[in-house]
PDB file of all heavy atoms in Angstrom:
ATOM      1  N   ASP A   1      -1.386   7.476  52.101  1.00  0.00           N
ATOM      2  CA  ASP A   1      -2.366   6.763  51.349  1.00  0.00           C
ATOM      3  C   ASP A   1      -2.121   6.811  49.892  1.00  0.00           C
ATOM      4  O   ASP A   1      -1.370   7.654  49.397  1.00  0.00           O
ATOM      5  CB  ASP A   1      -3.845   7.263  51.687  1.00  0.00           C
ATOM      6  CG  ASP A   1      -4.226   6.981  53.095  1.00  0.00           C
ATOM      7  OD1 ASP A   1      -3.559   6.087  53.735  1.00  0.00           O
ATOM      8  OD2 ASP A   1      -5.124   7.627  53.637  1.00  0.00           O
ATOM      9  N   PHE A   2      -2.793   5.950  49.084  1.00  0.00           N
ATOM     10  CA  PHE A   2      -2.642   5.933  47.711  1.00  0.00           C
ATOM     11  C   PHE A   2      -3.886   6.557  46.979  1.00  0.00           C
ATOM     12  O   PHE A   2      -5.012   6.594  47.506  1.00  0.00           O
ATOM     13  CB  PHE A   2      -2.525   4.506  47.160  1.00  0.00           C
ATOM     14  CG  PHE A   2      -1.170   3.822  47.455  1.00  0.00           C
ATOM     15  CD1 PHE A   2      -0.792   3.492  48.700  1.00  0.00           C
ATOM     16  CD2 PHE A   2      -0.296   3.714  46.402  1.00  0.00           C
ATOM     17  CE1 PHE A   2       0.395   2.934  48.915  1.00  0.00           C
ATOM     18  CE2 PHE A   2       0.939   3.155  46.602  1.00  0.00           C
ATOM     19  CZ  PHE A   2       1.303   2.771  47.875  1.00  0.00           C
ATOM     20  N   ALA A   3      -3.697   7.082  45.785  1.00  0.00           N
ATOM     21  CA  ALA A   3      -4.705   7.658  45.000  1.00  0.00           C
ATOM     22  C   ALA A   3      -4.507   7.414  43.567  1.00  0.00           C
ATOM     23  O   ALA A   3      -3.236   7.238  43.165  1.00  0.00           O
ATOM     24  CB  ALA A   3      -4.813   9.130  45.296  1.00  0.00           C
ATOM     25  N   GLY A   4      -5.469   7.335  42.732  1.00  0.00           N
ATOM     26  CA  GLY A   4      -5.329   7.160  41.285  1.00  0.00           C
ATOM     27  C   GLY A   4      -6.633   7.215  40.556  1.00  0.00           C
ATOM     28  O   GLY A   4      -7.617   7.818  41.028  1.00  0.00           O
ATOM     29  N   LEU A   5      -6.702   6.662  39.371  1.00  0.00           N
ATOM     30  CA  LEU A   5      -7.862   6.689  38.556  1.00  0.00           C
ATOM     31  C   LEU A   5      -7.906   5.391  37.749  1.00  0.00           C
ATOM     32  O   LEU A   5      -6.926   4.723  37.573  1.00  0.00           O
ATOM     33  CB  LEU A   5      -7.886   7.916  37.649  1.00  0.00           C
ATOM     34  CG  LEU A   5      -6.734   8.084  36.700  1.00  0.00           C
ATOM     35  CD1 LEU A   5      -6.987   7.322  35.345  1.00  0.00           C
ATOM     36  CD2 LEU A   5      -6.524   9.550  36.372  1.00  0.00           C
ATOM     37  N   ALA A   6      -9.071   5.086  37.256  1.00  0.00           N
ATOM     38  CA  ALA A   6      -9.202   3.890  36.366  1.00  0.00           C
ATOM     39  C   ALA A   6     -10.376   4.166  35.412  1.00  0.00           C
ATOM     40  O   ALA A   6     -11.260   4.949  35.649  1.00  0.00           O
ATOM     41  CB  ALA A   6      -9.639   2.644  37.193  1.00  0.00           C
ATOM     42  N   GLN A   7     -10.182   3.600  34.255  1.00  0.00           N
ATOM     43  CA  GLN A   7     -11.172   3.904  33.195  1.00  0.00           C
ATOM     44  C   GLN A   7     -11.328   2.645  32.277  1.00  0.00           C
ATOM     45  O   GLN A   7     -10.328   2.041  31.944  1.00  0.00           O
ATOM     46  CB  GLN A   7     -10.792   5.094  32.289  1.00  0.00           C
ATOM     47  CG  GLN A   7     -11.659   5.476  31.183  1.00  0.00           C
ATOM     48  CD  GLN A   7     -11.208   6.733  30.497  1.00  0.00           C
ATOM     49  OE1 GLN A   7     -11.365   7.815  30.960  1.00  0.00           O
ATOM     50  NE2 GLN A   7     -10.725   6.523  29.257  1.00  0.00           N
ATOM     51  N   PHE A   8     -12.540   2.323  31.964  1.00  0.00           N
ATOM     52  CA  PHE A   8     -12.779   1.265  30.959  1.00  0.00           C
ATOM     53  C   PHE A   8     -13.945   1.584  30.076  1.00  0.00           C
ATOM     54  O   PHE A   8     -14.740   2.456  30.496  1.00  0.00           O
ATOM     55  CB  PHE A   8     -13.070  -0.107  31.622  1.00  0.00           C
ATOM     56  CG  PHE A   8     -14.295  -0.145  32.590  1.00  0.00           C
ATOM     57  CD1 PHE A   8     -15.572  -0.363  32.040  1.00  0.00           C
ATOM     58  CD2 PHE A   8     -14.185   0.042  33.935  1.00  0.00           C
ATOM     59  CE1 PHE A   8     -16.620  -0.401  32.914  1.00  0.00           C
ATOM     60  CE2 PHE A   8     -15.242   0.019  34.836  1.00  0.00           C
ATOM     61  CZ  PHE A   8     -16.454  -0.230  34.197  1.00  0.00           C
ATOM     62  N   ASP A   9     -13.942   1.116  28.877  1.00  0.00           N
ATOM     63  CA  ASP A   9     -14.948   1.313  27.855  1.00  0.00           C
ATOM     64  C   ASP A   9     -15.853   0.120  27.769  1.00  0.00           C
ATOM     65  O   ASP A   9     -15.426  -1.041  27.850  1.00  0.00           O
ATOM     66  CB  ASP A   9     -14.409   1.673  26.484  1.00  0.00           C
ATOM     67  CG  ASP A   9     -13.789   3.057  26.526  1.00  0.00           C
ATOM     68  OD1 ASP A   9     -13.960   3.808  27.451  1.00  0.00           O
ATOM     69  OD2 ASP A   9     -13.023   3.346  25.490  1.00  0.00           O
ATOM     70  N   VAL A  10     -17.167   0.341  27.586  1.00  0.00           N
ATOM     71  CA  VAL A  10     -18.088  -0.677  27.328  1.00  0.00           C
ATOM     72  C   VAL A  10     -18.759  -0.427  25.974  1.00  0.00           C
ATOM     73  O   VAL A  10     -19.230   0.628  25.605  1.00  0.00           O
ATOM     74  CB  VAL A  10     -19.269  -0.640  28.348  1.00  0.00           C
ATOM     75  CG1 VAL A  10     -20.380  -1.685  27.971  1.00  0.00           C
ATOM     76  CG2 VAL A  10     -18.765  -0.918  29.745  1.00  0.00           C
ATOM     77  N   VAL A  11     -18.657  -1.467  25.102  1.00  0.00           N
ATOM     78  CA  VAL A  11     -19.234  -1.365  23.696  1.00  0.00           C
ATOM     79  C   VAL A  11     -20.258  -2.514  23.558  1.00  0.00           C
ATOM     80  O   VAL A  11     -19.895  -3.646  23.709  1.00  0.00           O
ATOM     81  CB  VAL A  11     -18.148  -1.443  22.640  1.00  0.00           C
ATOM     82  CG1 VAL A  11     -18.755  -1.456  21.195  1.00  0.00           C
ATOM     83  CG2 VAL A  11     -17.132  -0.364  22.786  1.00  0.00           C
ATOM     84  N   GLU A  12     -21.464  -2.109  23.243  1.00  0.00           N
ATOM     85  CA  GLU A  12     -22.541  -3.128  23.073  1.00  0.00           C
ATOM     86  C   GLU A  12     -23.033  -3.107  21.611  1.00  0.00           C
ATOM     87  O   GLU A  12     -23.416  -2.091  21.203  1.00  0.00           O
ATOM     88  CB  GLU A  12     -23.627  -2.803  24.074  1.00  0.00           C
ATOM     89  CG  GLU A  12     -23.197  -2.949  25.487  1.00  0.00           C
ATOM     90  CD  GLU A  12     -24.235  -2.340  26.485  1.00  0.00           C
ATOM     91  OE1 GLU A  12     -24.542  -1.201  26.400  1.00  0.00           O
ATOM     92  OE2 GLU A  12     -24.762  -3.130  27.283  1.00  0.00           O
ATOM     93  N   SER A  13     -23.049  -4.251  21.047  1.00  0.00           N
ATOM     94  CA  SER A  13     -23.474  -4.379  19.625  1.00  0.00           C
ATOM     95  C   SER A  13     -25.024  -4.387  19.694  1.00  0.00           C
ATOM     96  O   SER A  13     -25.718  -4.822  20.644  1.00  0.00           O
ATOM     97  CB  SER A  13     -22.970  -5.581  18.985  1.00  0.00           C
ATOM     98  OG  SER A  13     -23.294  -6.743  19.724  1.00  0.00           O
ATOM     99  N   ALA A  14     -25.665  -4.051  18.542  1.00  0.00           N
ATOM    100  CA  ALA A  14     -27.105  -4.014  18.493  1.00  0.00           C
ATOM    101  C   ALA A  14     -27.702  -5.404  18.404  1.00  0.00           C
ATOM    102  O   ALA A  14     -27.179  -6.283  17.644  1.00  0.00           O
ATOM    103  CB  ALA A  14     -27.507  -3.302  17.166  1.00  0.00           C
ATOM    104  N   VAL A  15     -28.644  -5.709  19.280  1.00  0.00           N
ATOM    105  CA  VAL A  15     -29.335  -6.970  19.293  1.00  0.00           C
ATOM    106  C   VAL A  15     -30.816  -6.713  19.193  1.00  0.00           C
ATOM    107  O   VAL A  15     -31.407  -6.088  20.086  1.00  0.00           O
ATOM    108  CB  VAL A  15     -29.043  -7.799  20.501  1.00  0.00           C
ATOM    109  CG1 VAL A  15     -29.803  -9.067  20.574  1.00  0.00           C
ATOM    110  CG2 VAL A  15     -27.586  -8.067  20.615  1.00  0.00           C
ATOM    111  N   PRO A  16     -31.489  -7.172  18.127  1.00  0.00           N
ATOM    112  CA  PRO A  16     -32.993  -6.957  18.051  1.00  0.00           C
ATOM    113  C   PRO A  16     -33.720  -7.585  19.190  1.00  0.00           C
ATOM    114  O   PRO A  16     -33.408  -8.717  19.610  1.00  0.00           O
ATOM    115  CB  PRO A  16     -33.328  -7.654  16.709  1.00  0.00           C
ATOM    116  CG  PRO A  16     -32.072  -7.727  15.949  1.00  0.00           C
ATOM    117  CD  PRO A  16     -30.954  -7.884  16.985  1.00  0.00           C
ATOM    118  N   GLU A  17     -34.682  -6.850  19.725  1.00  0.00           N
ATOM    119  CA  GLU A  17     -35.478  -7.462  20.749  1.00  0.00           C
ATOM    120  C   GLU A  17     -36.548  -8.439  20.180  1.00  0.00           C
ATOM    121  O   GLU A  17     -36.871  -8.339  18.952  1.00  0.00           O
ATOM    122  CB  GLU A  17     -36.210  -6.370  21.545  1.00  0.00           C
ATOM    123  CG  GLU A  17     -35.231  -5.436  22.242  1.00  0.00           C
ATOM    124  CD  GLU A  17     -35.988  -4.326  22.953  1.00  0.00           C
ATOM    125  OE1 GLU A  17     -37.237  -4.234  22.803  1.00  0.00           O
ATOM    126  OE2 GLU A  17     -35.374  -3.497  23.672  1.00  0.00           O
ATOM    127  N   PRO A  18     -37.025  -9.415  20.889  1.00  0.00           N
ATOM    128  CA  PRO A  18     -37.980 -10.373  20.412  1.00  0.00           C
ATOM    129  C   PRO A  18     -39.210  -9.765  19.747  1.00  0.00           C
ATOM    130  O   PRO A  18     -39.676 -10.234  18.692  1.00  0.00           O
ATOM    131  CB  PRO A  18     -38.379 -11.182  21.694  1.00  0.00           C
ATOM    132  CG  PRO A  18     -37.091 -11.132  22.481  1.00  0.00           C
ATOM    133  CD  PRO A  18     -36.540  -9.702  22.268  1.00  0.00           C
ATOM    134  N   THR A  19     -39.714  -8.642  20.367  1.00  0.00           N
ATOM    135  CA  THR A  19     -40.915  -8.003  19.812  1.00  0.00           C
ATOM    136  C   THR A  19     -40.606  -7.395  18.447  1.00  0.00           C
ATOM    137  O   THR A  19     -41.412  -7.331  17.639  1.00  0.00           O
ATOM    138  CB  THR A  19     -41.417  -6.904  20.804  1.00  0.00           C
ATOM    139  OG1 THR A  19     -40.352  -6.000  21.122  1.00  0.00           O
ATOM    140  CG2 THR A  19     -41.912  -7.542  22.077  1.00  0.00           C
ATOM    141  N   THR A  20     -39.334  -6.987  18.259  1.00  0.00           N
ATOM    142  CA  THR A  20     -39.025  -6.356  17.029  1.00  0.00           C
ATOM    143  C   THR A  20     -38.974  -7.431  15.904  1.00  0.00           C
ATOM    144  O   THR A  20     -39.435  -7.188  14.834  1.00  0.00           O
ATOM    145  CB  THR A  20     -37.608  -5.693  17.081  1.00  0.00           C
ATOM    146  OG1 THR A  20     -37.630  -4.759  18.143  1.00  0.00           O
ATOM    147  CG2 THR A  20     -37.156  -5.082  15.786  1.00  0.00           C
ATOM    148  N   TRP A  21     -38.430  -8.624  16.258  1.00  0.00           N
ATOM    149  CA  TRP A  21     -38.484  -9.721  15.270  1.00  0.00           C
ATOM    150  C   TRP A  21     -39.863 -10.016  14.862  1.00  0.00           C
ATOM    151  O   TRP A  21     -40.189 -10.304  13.619  1.00  0.00           O
ATOM    152  CB  TRP A  21     -37.765 -10.988  15.896  1.00  0.00           C
ATOM    153  CG  TRP A  21     -36.270 -10.909  15.872  1.00  0.00           C
ATOM    154  CD1 TRP A  21     -35.493 -10.767  16.913  1.00  0.00           C
ATOM    155  CD2 TRP A  21     -35.377 -10.957  14.741  1.00  0.00           C
ATOM    156  NE1 TRP A  21     -34.138 -10.819  16.568  1.00  0.00           N
ATOM    157  CE2 TRP A  21     -34.103 -10.866  15.208  1.00  0.00           C
ATOM    158  CE3 TRP A  21     -35.608 -11.004  13.393  1.00  0.00           C
ATOM    159  CZ2 TRP A  21     -32.954 -10.872  14.304  1.00  0.00           C
ATOM    160  CZ3 TRP A  21     -34.535 -11.073  12.482  1.00  0.00           C
ATOM    161  CH2 TRP A  21     -33.219 -10.953  12.974  1.00  0.00           C
ATOM    162  N   LEU A  22     -40.795 -10.097  15.804  1.00  0.00           N
ATOM    163  CA  LEU A  22     -42.197 -10.448  15.537  1.00  0.00           C
ATOM    164  C   LEU A  22     -42.793  -9.392  14.642  1.00  0.00           C
ATOM    165  O   LEU A  22     -43.527  -9.726  13.699  1.00  0.00           O
ATOM    166  CB  LEU A  22     -42.961 -10.535  16.892  1.00  0.00           C
ATOM    167  CG  LEU A  22     -42.616 -11.748  17.752  1.00  0.00           C
ATOM    168  CD1 LEU A  22     -43.419 -11.648  19.098  1.00  0.00           C
ATOM    169  CD2 LEU A  22     -42.913 -12.998  17.051  1.00  0.00           C
ATOM    170  N   MET A  23     -42.528  -8.147  14.952  1.00  0.00           N
ATOM    171  CA  MET A  23     -43.093  -7.071  14.045  1.00  0.00           C
ATOM    172  C   MET A  23     -42.559  -7.152  12.637  1.00  0.00           C
ATOM    173  O   MET A  23     -43.257  -6.937  11.679  1.00  0.00           O
ATOM    174  CB  MET A  23     -42.750  -5.664  14.651  1.00  0.00           C
ATOM    175  CG  MET A  23     -43.441  -5.355  15.936  1.00  0.00           C
ATOM    176  SD  MET A  23     -43.054  -3.703  16.562  1.00  0.00           S
ATOM    177  CE  MET A  23     -43.726  -2.746  15.213  1.00  0.00           C
ATOM    178  N   MET A  24     -41.279  -7.540  12.490  1.00  0.00           N
ATOM    179  CA  MET A  24     -40.719  -7.637  11.162  1.00  0.00           C
ATOM    180  C   MET A  24     -41.280  -8.730  10.390  1.00  0.00           C
ATOM    181  O   MET A  24     -41.766  -8.646   9.267  1.00  0.00           O
ATOM    182  CB  MET A  24     -39.224  -7.857  11.267  1.00  0.00           C
ATOM    183  CG  MET A  24     -38.499  -7.979   9.903  1.00  0.00           C
ATOM    184  SD  MET A  24     -36.777  -8.378  10.055  1.00  0.00           S
ATOM    185  CE  MET A  24     -36.940 -10.087  10.638  1.00  0.00           C
ATOM    186  N   LEU A  25     -41.458  -9.908  11.057  1.00  0.00           N
ATOM    187  CA  LEU A  25     -42.044 -11.066  10.458  1.00  0.00           C
ATOM    188  C   LEU A  25     -43.572 -10.802  10.082  1.00  0.00           C
ATOM    189  O   LEU A  25     -44.023 -11.186   8.947  1.00  0.00           O
ATOM    190  CB  LEU A  25     -41.986 -12.321  11.309  1.00  0.00           C
ATOM    191  CG  LEU A  25     -40.534 -12.782  11.605  1.00  0.00           C
ATOM    192  CD1 LEU A  25     -40.574 -13.967  12.617  1.00  0.00           C
ATOM    193  CD2 LEU A  25     -39.906 -13.282  10.320  1.00  0.00           C
ATOM    194  N   ALA A  26     -44.242 -10.107  10.976  1.00  0.00           N
ATOM    195  CA  ALA A  26     -45.665  -9.738  10.679  1.00  0.00           C
ATOM    196  C   ALA A  26     -45.741  -8.828   9.494  1.00  0.00           C
ATOM    197  O   ALA A  26     -46.613  -8.931   8.638  1.00  0.00           O
ATOM    198  CB  ALA A  26     -46.318  -9.137  11.891  1.00  0.00           C
ATOM    199  N   GLY A  27     -44.779  -7.902   9.383  1.00  0.00           N
ATOM    200  CA  GLY A  27     -44.730  -6.998   8.245  1.00  0.00           C
ATOM    201  C   GLY A  27     -44.591  -7.690   6.947  1.00  0.00           C
ATOM    202  O   GLY A  27     -45.260  -7.445   5.917  1.00  0.00           O
ATOM    203  N   PHE A  28     -43.652  -8.664   6.889  1.00  0.00           N
ATOM    204  CA  PHE A  28     -43.403  -9.459   5.700  1.00  0.00           C
ATOM    205  C   PHE A  28     -44.659 -10.288   5.349  1.00  0.00           C
ATOM    206  O   PHE A  28     -45.053 -10.410   4.177  1.00  0.00           O
ATOM    207  CB  PHE A  28     -42.227 -10.425   5.906  1.00  0.00           C
ATOM    208  CG  PHE A  28     -40.915  -9.736   5.652  1.00  0.00           C
ATOM    209  CD1 PHE A  28     -39.929  -9.748   6.662  1.00  0.00           C
ATOM    210  CD2 PHE A  28     -40.649  -8.977   4.502  1.00  0.00           C
ATOM    211  CE1 PHE A  28     -38.729  -9.090   6.428  1.00  0.00           C
ATOM    212  CE2 PHE A  28     -39.397  -8.383   4.330  1.00  0.00           C
ATOM    213  CZ  PHE A  28     -38.463  -8.410   5.272  1.00  0.00           C
TER     214      PHE A  28
END
């Protein structure tokens, strides 16, 4: 039989949530 390994990276950029946008606008 065969054996091995695998690896990958996940990078997620910051995305403001809708409620955060509303809070920011309300603050302004």
